[in-house]
C-alpha atoms as a PDB file:
ATOM      1  CA  UNK A   1     100.782 126.498  77.704  1.00  0.00           C
ATOM      2  CA  UNK A   2     101.278 124.686  81.003  1.00  0.00           C
ATOM      3  CA  UNK A   3     104.455 124.783  83.009  1.00  0.00           C
ATOM      4  CA  UNK A   4     105.875 121.690  84.605  1.00  0.00           C
ATOM      5  CA  UNK A   5     106.292 121.945  88.351  1.00  0.00           C
ATOM      6  CA  UNK A   6     109.772 121.266  89.654  1.00  0.00           C
ATOM      7  CA  UNK A   7     110.098 118.345  92.069  1.00  0.00           C
ATOM      8  CA  UNK A   8     109.975 119.224  95.760  1.00  0.00           C
ATOM      9  CA  UNK A   9     113.562 118.695  96.971  1.00  0.00           C
ATOM     10  CA  UNK A  10     114.454 116.130  99.588  1.00  0.00           C
ATOM     11  CA  UNK A  11     114.855 117.401 103.153  1.00  0.00           C
ATOM     12  CA  UNK A  12     117.946 115.230 103.603  1.00  0.00           C
ATOM     13  CA  UNK A  13     120.739 117.047 105.461  1.00  0.00           C
ATOM     14  CA  UNK A  14     123.236 114.155 105.325  1.00  0.00           C
ATOM     15  CA  UNK A  15     122.842 113.336 109.011  1.00  0.00           C
ATOM     16  CA  UNK A  16     121.508 109.839 108.508  1.00  0.00           C
ATOM     17  CA  UNK A  17     120.814 108.045 111.765  1.00  0.00           C
ATOM     18  CA  UNK A  18     117.606 106.444 112.938  1.00  0.00           C
ATOM     19  CA  UNK A  19     116.261 106.988 116.429  1.00  0.00           C
ATOM     20  CA  UNK A  20     114.466 104.335 118.492  1.00  0.00           C
ATOM     21  CA  UNK A  21     111.246 105.018 116.528  1.00  0.00           C
ATOM     22  CA  UNK A  22     113.002 104.542 113.150  1.00  0.00           C
ATOM     23  CA  UNK A  23     112.831 108.247 112.338  1.00  0.00           C
ATOM     24  CA  UNK A  24     115.891 109.899 110.828  1.00  0.00           C
ATOM     25  CA  UNK A  25     117.452 112.321 113.292  1.00  0.00           C
ATOM     26  CA  UNK A  26     118.583 114.546 110.423  1.00  0.00           C
ATOM     27  CA  UNK A  27     115.508 115.025 108.239  1.00  0.00           C
ATOM     28  CA  UNK A  28     112.795 113.647 110.545  1.00  0.00           C
ATOM     29  CA  UNK A  29     111.425 111.261 107.914  1.00  0.00           C
ATOM     30  CA  UNK A  30     110.418 107.682 108.609  1.00  0.00           C
ATOM     31  CA  UNK A  31     112.227 104.845 106.849  1.00  0.00           C
ATOM     32  CA  UNK A  32     109.174 104.356 104.617  1.00  0.00           C
ATOM     33  CA  UNK A  33     109.076 108.063 103.703  1.00  0.00           C
ATOM     34  CA  UNK A  34     112.783 108.014 102.852  1.00  0.00           C
ATOM     35  CA  UNK A  35     112.527 104.938 100.639  1.00  0.00           C
ATOM     36  CA  UNK A  36     109.350 106.146  98.892  1.00  0.00           C
ATOM     37  CA  UNK A  37     110.509 109.771  98.357  1.00  0.00           C
ATOM     38  CA  UNK A  38     111.640 109.288  94.744  1.00  0.00           C
ATOM     39  CA  UNK A  39     108.248 107.809  93.821  1.00  0.00           C
ATOM     40  CA  UNK A  40     106.123 110.465  95.577  1.00  0.00           C
ATOM     41  CA  UNK A  41     104.373 113.252  93.731  1.00  0.00           C
ATOM     42  CA  UNK A  42     104.821 116.821  94.940  1.00  0.00           C
ATOM     43  CA  UNK A  43     101.578 116.834  96.931  1.00  0.00           C
ATOM     44  CA  UNK A  44     102.679 113.785  98.912  1.00  0.00           C
ATOM     45  CA  UNK A  45     106.167 115.241  99.379  1.00  0.00           C
ATOM     46  CA  UNK A  46     104.686 118.444 100.803  1.00  0.00           C
ATOM     47  CA  UNK A  47     102.572 116.389 103.185  1.00  0.00           C
ATOM     48  CA  UNK A  48     105.690 114.514 104.360  1.00  0.00           C
ATOM     49  CA  UNK A  49     107.562 117.810 104.834  1.00  0.00           C
ATOM     50  CA  UNK A  50     104.710 118.977 107.066  1.00  0.00           C
ATOM     51  CA  UNK A  51     104.961 115.783 109.094  1.00  0.00           C
ATOM     52  CA  UNK A  52     108.735 116.270 109.376  1.00  0.00           C
ATOM     53  CA  UNK A  53     108.194 119.798 110.669  1.00  0.00           C
ATOM     54  CA  UNK A  54     105.712 118.573 113.278  1.00  0.00           C
ATOM     55  CA  UNK A  55     108.087 115.805 114.370  1.00  0.00           C
ATOM     56  CA  UNK A  56     110.934 118.298 114.721  1.00  0.00           C
ATOM     57  CA  UNK A  57     108.744 120.608 116.809  1.00  0.00           C
ATOM     58  CA  UNK A  58     107.495 117.838 119.082  1.00  0.00           C
ATOM     59  CA  UNK A  59     111.012 116.502 119.622  1.00  0.00           C
ATOM     60  CA  UNK A  60     112.319 119.962 120.535  1.00  0.00           C
ATOM     61  CA  UNK A  61     114.599 120.259 117.502  1.00  0.00           C
ATOM     62  CA  UNK A  62     112.875 123.463 116.442  1.00  0.00           C
ATOM     63  CA  UNK A  63     110.889 125.971 118.419  1.00  0.00           C
ATOM     64  CA  UNK A  64     108.061 128.140 117.246  1.00  0.00           C
ATOM     65  CA  UNK A  65     108.892 131.844 117.117  1.00  0.00           C
ATOM     66  CA  UNK A  66     107.581 133.649 120.149  1.00  0.00           C
ATOM     67  CA  UNK A  67     107.241 130.443 122.158  1.00  0.00           C
ATOM     68  CA  UNK A  68     109.725 129.592 124.842  1.00  0.00           C
ATOM     69  CA  UNK A  69     110.571 125.977 125.567  1.00  0.00           C
ATOM     70  CA  UNK A  70     109.278 124.354 128.738  1.00  0.00           C
ATOM     71  CA  UNK A  71     112.229 124.082 131.087  1.00  0.00           C
END
């Protein structure tokens, strides 16, 4: 008997504003990623979440534990 995997939830935090690169300042997804989210499978959603995490790190929104920001 196989179990059905639950959908990976959206990273939306209801702070919907695009920056100058058309990336949402709330969830860090691109416009294309936002509009395609409902049609993505879980593997693609996980890949997008990884990209969002990297974007948040590179923009300074999140810091890695043990790493201090460059001042």
